[in-house]
């Protein structure tokens, strides 16, 4: 199948505006990384090492933050090394987080400076070389001021471009390495926009190869007592999957090494009458042809017609869903 679509990459990267609020502040030149300074973190997700935060918190601190550590070192030529990997820019898609420097501590026994940034319900501790040499190169991943993907500063835009370019060169393996370089870049941008953690992949189902479009878990947690599995699935299709079909359809053009889209989404739900309520998840999967996805994007098919033409699995079992029953 020959696909003729081409839309600017700005359309794709613009979807990431839903991930972050739009703020653009610039710190003063002095005290760029002092306690209280506003900063923007942009690091590969693979560089974030989860740590258990066992220290005692002050009463005014938020008690439940996800804590991570990022190890930073310098090469013999003074270049930046993250997590011990000189090729860190290509290791994974990046995370962007605006935050505030909460602590800066020099620990001589560890021969390190520990700089902690808090933002977006996370704490990221940068383990830096002792002394100030890191300040000359750290601004690529820890830039002064607040900047977002929706309205990036020149520094954030340049850092993201370097990481996405390196990611596209390294993370696209067969058969996706045959994709046009422009498509690879747009795939990376959309993966970044939806918060994907792994490299792009394809899978085969009933003899047909599909591109795996992973949406992960949304922000909604359904009440198990007031919704059925089919209602939750129908809502997820309307609210998340159908918009994703339109977005992914715009990414591909020309000859591609697959025949359809395999879209997956996790659906969180709880029984709120339990204490504490336990989060359970349903896995929703749709397999659809690229032709049908095109027709839906062109409004030649309705959402229900696209659904009826697709293979729909809920927790591995085939189901038929009615989008009017939500």
C-alpha atoms as a PDB file:
ATOM      1  CA  UNK A   1       0.000   0.000   0.000  1.00  0.00           C
ATOM      2  CA  UNK A   2       1.349   3.440  -0.941  1.00  0.00           C
ATOM      3  CA  UNK A   3       0.530   6.197   1.510  1.00  0.00           C
ATOM      4  CA  UNK A   4       0.643   9.797   0.340  1.00  0.00           C
ATOM      5  CA  UNK A   5       0.194  11.747   3.561  1.00  0.00           C
ATOM      6  CA  UNK A   6       2.737  14.258   4.830  1.00  0.00           C
ATOM      7  CA  UNK A   7       2.134  16.642   7.691  1.00  0.00           C
ATOM      8  CA  UNK A   8       4.738  18.811   9.391  1.00  0.00           C
ATOM      9  CA  UNK A   9       6.453  17.395  12.432  1.00  0.00           C
ATOM     10  CA  UNK A  10       5.264  20.424  14.377  1.00  0.00           C
ATOM     11  CA  UNK A  11       1.748  18.984  14.251  1.00  0.00           C
ATOM     12  CA  UNK A  12       2.961  15.814  15.970  1.00  0.00           C
ATOM     13  CA  UNK A  13       5.175  17.411  18.598  1.00  0.00           C
ATOM     14  CA  UNK A  14       2.363  19.831  19.374  1.00  0.00           C
ATOM     15  CA  UNK A  15       0.458  16.954  20.987  1.00  0.00           C
ATOM     16  CA  UNK A  16       2.917  17.021  23.835  1.00  0.00           C
ATOM     17  CA  UNK A  17       1.430  20.345  24.951  1.00  0.00           C
ATOM     18  CA  UNK A  18      -1.121  18.249  26.827  1.00  0.00           C
ATOM     19  CA  UNK A  19       1.632  16.848  29.034  1.00  0.00           C
ATOM     20  CA  UNK A  20       2.953  20.049  30.575  1.00  0.00           C
ATOM     21  CA  UNK A  21       1.601  23.436  31.556  1.00  0.00           C
ATOM     22  CA  UNK A  22       2.866  26.378  29.545  1.00  0.00           C
ATOM     23  CA  UNK A  23       5.397  28.390  31.559  1.00  0.00           C
ATOM     24  CA  UNK A  24       8.435  30.309  30.393  1.00  0.00           C
ATOM     25  CA  UNK A  25      10.643  31.871  33.013  1.00  0.00           C
ATOM     26  CA  UNK A  26      14.379  32.481  32.934  1.00  0.00           C
ATOM     27  CA  UNK A  27      16.626  32.440  35.951  1.00  0.00           C
ATOM     28  CA  UNK A  28      19.185  35.120  36.663  1.00  0.00           C
ATOM     29  CA  UNK A  29      22.740  34.467  35.600  1.00  0.00           C
ATOM     30  CA  UNK A  30      23.905  34.317  39.217  1.00  0.00           C
ATOM     31  CA  UNK A  31      23.053  31.310  41.379  1.00  0.00           C
ATOM     32  CA  UNK A  32      21.722  29.221  38.510  1.00  0.00           C
ATOM     33  CA  UNK A  33      21.684  26.064  40.615  1.00  0.00           C
ATOM     34  CA  UNK A  34      21.345  27.441  44.128  1.00  0.00           C
ATOM     35  CA  UNK A  35      18.578  26.243  46.417  1.00  0.00           C
ATOM     36  CA  UNK A  36      15.278  27.738  45.301  1.00  0.00           C
ATOM     37  CA  UNK A  37      16.365  28.151  41.664  1.00  0.00           C
ATOM     38  CA  UNK A  38      13.847  27.328  38.932  1.00  0.00           C
ATOM     39  CA  UNK A  39      15.160  24.665  36.542  1.00  0.00           C
ATOM     40  CA  UNK A  40      14.001  22.397  33.736  1.00  0.00           C
ATOM     41  CA  UNK A  41      15.159  18.785  33.750  1.00  0.00           C
ATOM     42  CA  UNK A  42      15.452  16.953  30.419  1.00  0.00           C
ATOM     43  CA  UNK A  43      17.053  13.511  30.732  1.00  0.00           C
ATOM     44  CA  UNK A  44      16.616  10.111  29.057  1.00  0.00           C
ATOM     45  CA  UNK A  45      14.070   8.067  30.998  1.00  0.00           C
ATOM     46  CA  UNK A  46      16.564   5.194  31.095  1.00  0.00           C
ATOM     47  CA  UNK A  47      18.926   7.372  33.185  1.00  0.00           C
ATOM     48  CA  UNK A  48      16.429   7.619  36.046  1.00  0.00           C
ATOM     49  CA  UNK A  49      17.289   5.094  38.760  1.00  0.00           C
ATOM     50  CA  UNK A  50      14.386   4.624  41.196  1.00  0.00           C
ATOM     51  CA  UNK A  51      15.447   4.993  44.814  1.00  0.00           C
ATOM     52  CA  UNK A  52      13.668   4.399  48.071  1.00  0.00           C
ATOM     53  CA  UNK A  53      13.513   7.629  50.033  1.00  0.00           C
ATOM     54  CA  UNK A  54      14.059   6.622  53.643  1.00  0.00           C
ATOM     55  CA  UNK A  55      14.998   9.980  55.096  1.00  0.00           C
ATOM     56  CA  UNK A  56      12.702  11.724  57.546  1.00  0.00           C
ATOM     57  CA  UNK A  57      10.713  14.503  55.960  1.00  0.00           C
ATOM     58  CA  UNK A  58       9.822  17.805  57.522  1.00  0.00           C
ATOM     59  CA  UNK A  59       6.154  18.291  58.296  1.00  0.00           C
ATOM     60  CA  UNK A  60       5.705  20.865  55.553  1.00  0.00           C
ATOM     61  CA  UNK A  61       7.104  18.549  52.862  1.00  0.00           C
ATOM     62  CA  UNK A  62       4.956  16.508  50.493  1.00  0.00           C
ATOM     63  CA  UNK A  63       5.236  12.938  51.879  1.00  0.00           C
ATOM     64  CA  UNK A  64       4.755  10.757  48.804  1.00  0.00           C
ATOM     65  CA  UNK A  65       7.104  11.657  45.985  1.00  0.00           C
ATOM     66  CA  UNK A  66       8.655   9.272  43.486  1.00  0.00           C
ATOM     67  CA  UNK A  67      12.404   9.579  44.026  1.00  0.00           C
ATOM     68  CA  UNK A  68      15.035   9.011  41.340  1.00  0.00           C
ATOM     69  CA  UNK A  69      18.790   9.433  41.032  1.00  0.00           C
ATOM     70  CA  UNK A  70      20.738  10.456  37.944  1.00  0.00           C
ATOM     71  CA  UNK A  71      24.489   9.860  37.955  1.00  0.00           C
ATOM     72  CA  UNK A  72      26.490  12.488  36.079  1.00  0.00           C
ATOM     73  CA  UNK A  73      30.189  12.255  35.248  1.00  0.00           C
ATOM     74  CA  UNK A  74      32.613  13.926  32.877  1.00  0.00           C
ATOM     75  CA  UNK A  75      34.697  12.283  30.181  1.00  0.00           C
ATOM     76  CA  UNK A  76      38.423  12.871  29.854  1.00  0.00           C
ATOM     77  CA  UNK A  77      37.608  15.547  27.296  1.00  0.00           C
ATOM     78  CA  UNK A  78      35.115  17.222  29.645  1.00  0.00           C
ATOM     79  CA  UNK A  79      32.028  15.921  27.853  1.00  0.00           C
ATOM     80  CA  UNK A  80      28.863  15.009  29.727  1.00  0.00           C
ATOM     81  CA  UNK A  81      28.226  11.342  30.606  1.00  0.00           C
ATOM     82  CA  UNK A  82      24.875  10.274  32.071  1.00  0.00           C
ATOM     83  CA  UNK A  83      24.434   6.999  33.919  1.00  0.00           C
ATOM     84  CA  UNK A  84      27.895   5.853  32.854  1.00  0.00           C
ATOM     85  CA  UNK A  85      26.814   5.809  29.180  1.00  0.00           C
ATOM     86  CA  UNK A  86      28.720   8.128  26.794  1.00  0.00           C
ATOM     87  CA  UNK A  87      25.911   7.560  24.252  1.00  0.00           C
ATOM     88  CA  UNK A  88      23.210   8.531  26.753  1.00  0.00           C
ATOM     89  CA  UNK A  89      21.354  10.790  24.296  1.00  0.00           C
ATOM     90  CA  UNK A  90      20.292   7.766  22.255  1.00  0.00           C
ATOM     91  CA  UNK A  91      19.486   5.447  25.170  1.00  0.00           C
ATOM     92  CA  UNK A  92      15.775   6.270  25.422  1.00  0.00           C
ATOM     93  CA  UNK A  93      13.186   8.968  24.938  1.00  0.00           C
ATOM     94  CA  UNK A  94      13.596  11.935  27.286  1.00  0.00           C
ATOM     95  CA  UNK A  95      11.609  13.096  30.288  1.00  0.00           C
ATOM     96  CA  UNK A  96      10.947  16.820  30.656  1.00  0.00           C
ATOM     97  CA  UNK A  97      10.170  18.167  34.137  1.00  0.00           C
ATOM     98  CA  UNK A  98       9.975  21.713  35.451  1.00  0.00           C
ATOM     99  CA  UNK A  99      10.942  22.061  39.079  1.00  0.00           C
ATOM    100  CA  UNK A 100      12.862  23.804  41.830  1.00  0.00           C
ATOM    101  CA  UNK A 101      16.264  23.067  43.307  1.00  0.00           C
ATOM    102  CA  UNK A 102      15.545  22.064  46.906  1.00  0.00           C
ATOM    103  CA  UNK A 103      19.005  21.087  48.166  1.00  0.00           C
ATOM    104  CA  UNK A 104      22.633  21.240  47.063  1.00  0.00           C
ATOM    105  CA  UNK A 105      25.068  19.261  49.221  1.00  0.00           C
ATOM    106  CA  UNK A 106      28.762  18.514  48.846  1.00  0.00           C
ATOM    107  CA  UNK A 107      29.570  15.104  50.354  1.00  0.00           C
ATOM    108  CA  UNK A 108      33.318  14.597  50.467  1.00  0.00           C
ATOM    109  CA  UNK A 109      33.211  10.939  51.523  1.00  0.00           C
ATOM    110  CA  UNK A 110      31.182  10.194  48.361  1.00  0.00           C
ATOM    111  CA  UNK A 111      33.288  12.599  46.308  1.00  0.00           C
ATOM    112  CA  UNK A 112      30.060  14.003  44.911  1.00  0.00           C
ATOM    113  CA  UNK A 113      27.708  16.951  44.911  1.00  0.00           C
ATOM    114  CA  UNK A 114      24.050  15.990  45.360  1.00  0.00           C
ATOM    115  CA  UNK A 115      21.610  18.412  43.762  1.00  0.00           C
ATOM    116  CA  UNK A 116      17.913  17.685  44.307  1.00  0.00           C
ATOM    117  CA  UNK A 117      15.123  18.957  42.063  1.00  0.00           C
ATOM    118  CA  UNK A 118      11.455  18.624  42.966  1.00  0.00           C
ATOM    119  CA  UNK A 119       8.552  18.966  40.528  1.00  0.00           C
ATOM    120  CA  UNK A 120       5.561  17.094  39.064  1.00  0.00           C
ATOM    121  CA  UNK A 121       5.320  14.789  42.130  1.00  0.00           C
ATOM    122  CA  UNK A 122       8.922  13.675  41.596  1.00  0.00           C
ATOM    123  CA  UNK A 123      12.266  14.218  43.216  1.00  0.00           C
ATOM    124  CA  UNK A 124      15.318  13.790  41.023  1.00  0.00           C
ATOM    125  CA  UNK A 125      18.701  13.744  42.732  1.00  0.00           C
ATOM    126  CA  UNK A 126      21.652  14.518  40.470  1.00  0.00           C
ATOM    127  CA  UNK A 127      24.867  12.885  41.679  1.00  0.00           C
ATOM    128  CA  UNK A 128      27.493  15.261  40.283  1.00  0.00           C
ATOM    129  CA  UNK A 129      31.293  15.384  40.402  1.00  0.00           C
ATOM    130  CA  UNK A 130      32.540  17.188  43.483  1.00  0.00           C
ATOM    131  CA  UNK A 131      33.431  20.762  42.623  1.00  0.00           C
ATOM    132  CA  UNK A 132      32.004  23.103  40.031  1.00  0.00           C
ATOM    133  CA  UNK A 133      33.313  21.627  36.763  1.00  0.00           C
ATOM    134  CA  UNK A 134      29.903  20.081  36.005  1.00  0.00           C
ATOM    135  CA  UNK A 135      28.277  23.512  35.729  1.00  0.00           C
ATOM    136  CA  UNK A 136      29.987  24.097  32.378  1.00  0.00           C
ATOM    137  CA  UNK A 137      28.108  21.254  30.632  1.00  0.00           C
ATOM    138  CA  UNK A 138      25.122  20.371  32.826  1.00  0.00           C
ATOM    139  CA  UNK A 139      22.766  22.915  31.229  1.00  0.00           C
ATOM    140  CA  UNK A 140      21.909  20.426  28.460  1.00  0.00           C
ATOM    141  CA  UNK A 141      20.025  18.280  30.983  1.00  0.00           C
ATOM    142  CA  UNK A 142      19.495  20.734  33.852  1.00  0.00           C
ATOM    143  CA  UNK A 143      18.764  24.101  32.320  1.00  0.00           C
ATOM    144  CA  UNK A 144      18.091  27.273  34.305  1.00  0.00           C
ATOM    145  CA  UNK A 145      14.527  28.575  34.269  1.00  0.00           C
ATOM    146  CA  UNK A 146      11.244  26.911  33.373  1.00  0.00           C
ATOM    147  CA  UNK A 147      10.474  25.844  29.826  1.00  0.00           C
ATOM    148  CA  UNK A 148       7.937  23.374  28.442  1.00  0.00           C
ATOM    149  CA  UNK A 149       7.415  21.314  25.326  1.00  0.00           C
ATOM    150  CA  UNK A 150       4.398  23.481  24.486  1.00  0.00           C
ATOM    151  CA  UNK A 151       6.498  26.657  24.480  1.00  0.00           C
ATOM    152  CA  UNK A 152      10.139  25.515  24.575  1.00  0.00           C
ATOM    153  CA  UNK A 153      13.035  27.828  25.186  1.00  0.00           C
ATOM    154  CA  UNK A 154      15.828  27.694  22.578  1.00  0.00           C
ATOM    155  CA  UNK A 155      17.920  25.645  25.050  1.00  0.00           C
ATOM    156  CA  UNK A 156      15.170  23.060  25.623  1.00  0.00           C
ATOM    157  CA  UNK A 157      14.414  22.811  21.918  1.00  0.00           C
ATOM    158  CA  UNK A 158      18.089  22.261  21.112  1.00  0.00           C
ATOM    159  CA  UNK A 159      18.476  19.625  23.838  1.00  0.00           C
ATOM    160  CA  UNK A 160      15.358  17.729  22.716  1.00  0.00           C
ATOM    161  CA  UNK A 161      16.474  17.826  19.097  1.00  0.00           C
ATOM    162  CA  UNK A 162      19.873  16.334  19.959  1.00  0.00           C
ATOM    163  CA  UNK A 163      18.277  13.537  21.984  1.00  0.00           C
ATOM    164  CA  UNK A 164      15.550  12.735  19.441  1.00  0.00           C
ATOM    165  CA  UNK A 165      18.052  12.723  16.568  1.00  0.00           C
ATOM    166  CA  UNK A 166      20.313  10.294  18.460  1.00  0.00           C
ATOM    167  CA  UNK A 167      17.316   8.145  19.461  1.00  0.00           C
ATOM    168  CA  UNK A 168      16.160   7.825  15.851  1.00  0.00           C
ATOM    169  CA  UNK A 169      19.610   6.677  14.728  1.00  0.00           C
ATOM    170  CA  UNK A 170      19.916   3.951  17.385  1.00  0.00           C
ATOM    171  CA  UNK A 171      16.492   2.701  18.482  1.00  0.00           C
ATOM    172  CA  UNK A 172      14.827   1.796  15.167  1.00  0.00           C
ATOM    173  CA  UNK A 173      15.589  -1.871  14.482  1.00  0.00           C
ATOM    174  CA  UNK A 174      14.297  -4.161  11.737  1.00  0.00           C
ATOM    175  CA  UNK A 175      11.814  -3.847  10.157  1.00  0.00           C
ATOM    176  CA  UNK A 176      11.324  -0.227  11.325  1.00  0.00           C
ATOM    177  CA  UNK A 177      14.848   0.741  10.261  1.00  0.00           C
ATOM    178  CA  UNK A 178      13.452   0.693   6.702  1.00  0.00           C
ATOM    179  CA  UNK A 179      11.188   3.649   7.471  1.00  0.00           C
ATOM    180  CA  UNK A 180      11.888   6.987   5.832  1.00  0.00           C
ATOM    181  CA  UNK A 181      14.036   9.120   8.211  1.00  0.00           C
ATOM    182  CA  UNK A 182      11.241  11.709   8.374  1.00  0.00           C
ATOM    183  CA  UNK A 183       8.817   9.041   9.555  1.00  0.00           C
ATOM    184  CA  UNK A 184      11.285   7.793  12.170  1.00  0.00           C
ATOM    185  CA  UNK A 185      11.547  11.307  13.573  1.00  0.00           C
ATOM    186  CA  UNK A 186       7.767  11.724  13.672  1.00  0.00           C
ATOM    187  CA  UNK A 187       7.334   8.326  15.362  1.00  0.00           C
ATOM    188  CA  UNK A 188       9.842   9.383  18.023  1.00  0.00           C
ATOM    189  CA  UNK A 189       8.072  12.704  18.524  1.00  0.00           C
ATOM    190  CA  UNK A 190       4.675  11.089  18.987  1.00  0.00           C
ATOM    191  CA  UNK A 191       6.092   8.416  21.282  1.00  0.00           C
ATOM    192  CA  UNK A 192       7.627  11.210  23.329  1.00  0.00           C
ATOM    193  CA  UNK A 193       4.297  13.081  23.366  1.00  0.00           C
ATOM    194  CA  UNK A 194       2.375  10.113  24.797  1.00  0.00           C
ATOM    195  CA  UNK A 195       5.110   9.257  27.311  1.00  0.00           C
ATOM    196  CA  UNK A 196       6.217   5.941  25.800  1.00  0.00           C
ATOM    197  CA  UNK A 197       9.140   4.320  27.599  1.00  0.00           C
ATOM    198  CA  UNK A 198      10.384   1.692  25.145  1.00  0.00           C
ATOM    199  CA  UNK A 199      11.610   1.779  21.531  1.00  0.00           C
ATOM    200  CA  UNK A 200       9.108   1.397  18.667  1.00  0.00           C
ATOM    201  CA  UNK A 201       8.162  -2.164  17.750  1.00  0.00           C
ATOM    202  CA  UNK A 202       5.934  -4.208  15.480  1.00  0.00           C
ATOM    203  CA  UNK A 203       4.048  -7.420  16.218  1.00  0.00           C
ATOM    204  CA  UNK A 204       2.321 -10.096  14.167  1.00  0.00           C
ATOM    205  CA  UNK A 205      -1.242 -11.205  14.846  1.00  0.00           C
ATOM    206  CA  UNK A 206      -3.020 -13.835  12.760  1.00  0.00           C
ATOM    207  CA  UNK A 207      -0.427 -13.504   9.994  1.00  0.00           C
ATOM    208  CA  UNK A 208      -0.553  -9.695   9.715  1.00  0.00           C
ATOM    209  CA  UNK A 209       2.187  -7.331  10.881  1.00  0.00           C
ATOM    210  CA  UNK A 210       1.105  -4.302  12.912  1.00  0.00           C
ATOM    211  CA  UNK A 211       2.849  -1.233  14.289  1.00  0.00           C
ATOM    212  CA  UNK A 212       2.571  -1.210  18.093  1.00  0.00           C
ATOM    213  CA  UNK A 213       1.102   2.085  19.306  1.00  0.00           C
ATOM    214  CA  UNK A 214       1.246   1.894  23.096  1.00  0.00           C
ATOM    215  CA  UNK A 215      -0.859   4.418  25.006  1.00  0.00           C
ATOM    216  CA  UNK A 216      -0.207   3.083  28.488  1.00  0.00           C
ATOM    217  CA  UNK A 217      -2.468   4.034  31.367  1.00  0.00           C
ATOM    218  CA  UNK A 218      -4.632   7.135  31.246  1.00  0.00           C
ATOM    219  CA  UNK A 219      -5.383   9.560  34.057  1.00  0.00           C
ATOM    220  CA  UNK A 220      -8.916   8.270  34.743  1.00  0.00           C
ATOM    221  CA  UNK A 221      -9.503   5.665  37.460  1.00  0.00           C
ATOM    222  CA  UNK A 222     -12.984   4.154  37.094  1.00  0.00           C
ATOM    223  CA  UNK A 223     -15.210   3.050  39.948  1.00  0.00           C
ATOM    224  CA  UNK A 224     -15.663  -0.693  39.580  1.00  0.00           C
ATOM    225  CA  UNK A 225     -19.008  -0.529  41.394  1.00  0.00           C
ATOM    226  CA  UNK A 226     -20.558   1.969  38.966  1.00  0.00           C
ATOM    227  CA  UNK A 227     -19.093   0.831  35.631  1.00  0.00           C
ATOM    228  CA  UNK A 228     -18.816  -2.420  33.703  1.00  0.00           C
ATOM    229  CA  UNK A 229     -15.716  -3.621  31.866  1.00  0.00           C
ATOM    230  CA  UNK A 230     -17.414  -2.983  28.511  1.00  0.00           C
ATOM    231  CA  UNK A 231     -18.433   0.548  29.527  1.00  0.00           C
ATOM    232  CA  UNK A 232     -14.913   1.357  30.627  1.00  0.00           C
ATOM    233  CA  UNK A 233     -13.544  -0.037  27.371  1.00  0.00           C
ATOM    234  CA  UNK A 234     -16.030   1.958  25.260  1.00  0.00           C
ATOM    235  CA  UNK A 235     -15.170   5.151  27.121  1.00  0.00           C
ATOM    236  CA  UNK A 236     -11.453   4.502  26.616  1.00  0.00           C
ATOM    237  CA  UNK A 237     -11.950   3.968  22.891  1.00  0.00           C
ATOM    238  CA  UNK A 238     -13.867   7.239  22.539  1.00  0.00           C
ATOM    239  CA  UNK A 239     -11.645   9.338  24.789  1.00  0.00           C
ATOM    240  CA  UNK A 240      -8.187   7.954  24.042  1.00  0.00           C
ATOM    241  CA  UNK A 241      -7.954   5.422  21.239  1.00  0.00           C
ATOM    242  CA  UNK A 242      -9.873   7.183  18.469  1.00  0.00           C
ATOM    243  CA  UNK A 243      -7.852  10.420  18.875  1.00  0.00           C
ATOM    244  CA  UNK A 244      -4.690   8.289  18.866  1.00  0.00           C
ATOM    245  CA  UNK A 245      -5.760   6.631  15.594  1.00  0.00           C
ATOM    246  CA  UNK A 246      -6.005  10.062  13.965  1.00  0.00           C
ATOM    247  CA  UNK A 247      -2.605  11.095  15.342  1.00  0.00           C
ATOM    248  CA  UNK A 248      -0.786   7.916  14.257  1.00  0.00           C
ATOM    249  CA  UNK A 249      -2.427   7.919  10.817  1.00  0.00           C
ATOM    250  CA  UNK A 250      -0.861  11.327  10.151  1.00  0.00           C
ATOM    251  CA  UNK A 251       2.608  10.003  10.992  1.00  0.00           C
ATOM    252  CA  UNK A 252       3.001   7.458   8.191  1.00  0.00           C
ATOM    253  CA  UNK A 253       3.286   7.975   4.450  1.00  0.00           C
ATOM    254  CA  UNK A 254       4.642   6.035   1.467  1.00  0.00           C
ATOM    255  CA  UNK A 255       5.645   2.386   1.798  1.00  0.00           C
ATOM    256  CA  UNK A 256       5.813   1.090   5.366  1.00  0.00           C
ATOM    257  CA  UNK A 257       6.841  -2.408   6.609  1.00  0.00           C
ATOM    258  CA  UNK A 258       3.493  -3.221   8.265  1.00  0.00           C
ATOM    259  CA  UNK A 259      -0.183  -3.334   7.329  1.00  0.00           C
ATOM    260  CA  UNK A 260      -1.999  -2.010  10.367  1.00  0.00           C
ATOM    261  CA  UNK A 261      -1.980  -0.427  13.811  1.00  0.00           C
ATOM    262  CA  UNK A 262      -1.999  -2.354  17.073  1.00  0.00           C
ATOM    263  CA  UNK A 263      -3.159   0.115  19.719  1.00  0.00           C
ATOM    264  CA  UNK A 264      -3.067  -0.866  23.383  1.00  0.00           C
ATOM    265  CA  UNK A 265      -4.328   0.972  26.441  1.00  0.00           C
ATOM    266  CA  UNK A 266      -4.496   0.065  30.113  1.00  0.00           C
ATOM    267  CA  UNK A 267      -7.705   0.919  31.981  1.00  0.00           C
ATOM    268  CA  UNK A 268      -7.414   1.502  35.741  1.00  0.00           C
ATOM    269  CA  UNK A 269     -10.345   0.853  38.052  1.00  0.00           C
ATOM    270  CA  UNK A 270     -10.960   0.478  41.795  1.00  0.00           C
ATOM    271  CA  UNK A 271     -13.671  -0.727  44.127  1.00  0.00           C
ATOM    272  CA  UNK A 272     -13.866   2.383  46.304  1.00  0.00           C
ATOM    273  CA  UNK A 273     -15.930   0.552  48.926  1.00  0.00           C
ATOM    274  CA  UNK A 274     -12.774  -1.351  49.875  1.00  0.00           C
ATOM    275  CA  UNK A 275     -10.228   0.151  52.216  1.00  0.00           C
ATOM    276  CA  UNK A 276      -7.700   0.749  51.018  1.00  0.00           C
ATOM    277  CA  UNK A 277      -9.032   0.466  47.456  1.00  0.00           C
ATOM    278  CA  UNK A 278      -6.810  -1.647  45.210  1.00  0.00           C
ATOM    279  CA  UNK A 279      -6.078  -0.529  41.673  1.00  0.00           C
ATOM    280  CA  UNK A 280      -6.788  -3.169  39.031  1.00  0.00           C
ATOM    281  CA  UNK A 281      -6.197  -2.831  35.306  1.00  0.00           C
ATOM    282  CA  UNK A 282      -7.808  -4.099  32.124  1.00  0.00           C
ATOM    283  CA  UNK A 283      -5.790  -4.363  28.907  1.00  0.00           C
ATOM    284  CA  UNK A 284      -7.614  -3.135  25.796  1.00  0.00           C
ATOM    285  CA  UNK A 285      -6.159  -3.892  22.339  1.00  0.00           C
ATOM    286  CA  UNK A 286      -7.327  -2.924  18.862  1.00  0.00           C
ATOM    287  CA  UNK A 287      -5.895  -4.353  15.635  1.00  0.00           C
ATOM    288  CA  UNK A 288      -6.895  -2.343  12.570  1.00  0.00           C
ATOM    289  CA  UNK A 289      -5.736  -2.030   8.976  1.00  0.00           C
ATOM    290  CA  UNK A 290      -4.020   1.148   7.839  1.00  0.00           C
ATOM    291  CA  UNK A 291      -6.691   1.523   5.149  1.00  0.00           C
ATOM    292  CA  UNK A 292      -9.442   1.566   7.768  1.00  0.00           C
ATOM    293  CA  UNK A 293      -7.451   3.990   9.943  1.00  0.00           C
ATOM    294  CA  UNK A 294      -7.043   6.256   6.900  1.00  0.00           C
ATOM    295  CA  UNK A 295     -10.760   6.124   6.155  1.00  0.00           C
ATOM    296  CA  UNK A 296     -11.572   7.007   9.764  1.00  0.00           C
ATOM    297  CA  UNK A 297      -9.162   9.941   9.719  1.00  0.00           C
ATOM    298  CA  UNK A 298     -10.776  11.115   6.452  1.00  0.00           C
ATOM    299  CA  UNK A 299     -14.226  10.727   8.104  1.00  0.00           C
ATOM    300  CA  UNK A 300     -15.208   8.049   5.590  1.00  0.00           C
ATOM    301  CA  UNK A 301     -15.716   5.698   8.548  1.00  0.00           C
ATOM    302  CA  UNK A 302     -17.348   6.479  11.867  1.00  0.00           C
ATOM    303  CA  UNK A 303     -15.759   5.431  15.132  1.00  0.00           C
ATOM    304  CA  UNK A 304     -18.237   2.583  15.461  1.00  0.00           C
ATOM    305  CA  UNK A 305     -17.570   1.435  11.891  1.00  0.00           C
ATOM    306  CA  UNK A 306     -13.810   1.448  12.552  1.00  0.00           C
ATOM    307  CA  UNK A 307     -14.415  -0.542  15.716  1.00  0.00           C
ATOM    308  CA  UNK A 308     -16.575  -3.093  13.897  1.00  0.00           C
ATOM    309  CA  UNK A 309     -13.876  -3.530  11.232  1.00  0.00           C
ATOM    310  CA  UNK A 310     -11.148  -4.067  13.840  1.00  0.00           C
ATOM    311  CA  UNK A 311     -10.172  -6.953  16.082  1.00  0.00           C
ATOM    312  CA  UNK A 312     -10.873  -5.879  19.674  1.00  0.00           C
ATOM    313  CA  UNK A 313      -9.413  -7.743  22.662  1.00  0.00           C
ATOM    314  CA  UNK A 314     -10.200  -7.066  26.304  1.00  0.00           C
ATOM    315  CA  UNK A 315      -7.819  -8.877  28.629  1.00  0.00           C
ATOM    316  CA  UNK A 316      -6.940 -11.190  25.732  1.00  0.00           C
ATOM    317  CA  UNK A 317     -10.542 -12.095  24.846  1.00  0.00           C
ATOM    318  CA  UNK A 318     -12.326 -10.957  21.702  1.00  0.00           C
ATOM    319  CA  UNK A 319     -15.223  -8.600  22.397  1.00  0.00           C
ATOM    320  CA  UNK A 320     -17.735  -6.525  20.458  1.00  0.00           C
ATOM    321  CA  UNK A 321     -18.385  -3.064  21.829  1.00  0.00           C
ATOM    322  CA  UNK A 322     -21.149  -0.518  21.227  1.00  0.00           C
ATOM    323  CA  UNK A 323     -19.847   3.035  21.575  1.00  0.00           C
ATOM    324  CA  UNK A 324     -23.380   4.320  22.237  1.00  0.00           C
ATOM    325  CA  UNK A 325     -23.502   2.291  25.465  1.00  0.00           C
ATOM    326  CA  UNK A 326     -21.272   4.342  27.746  1.00  0.00           C
END
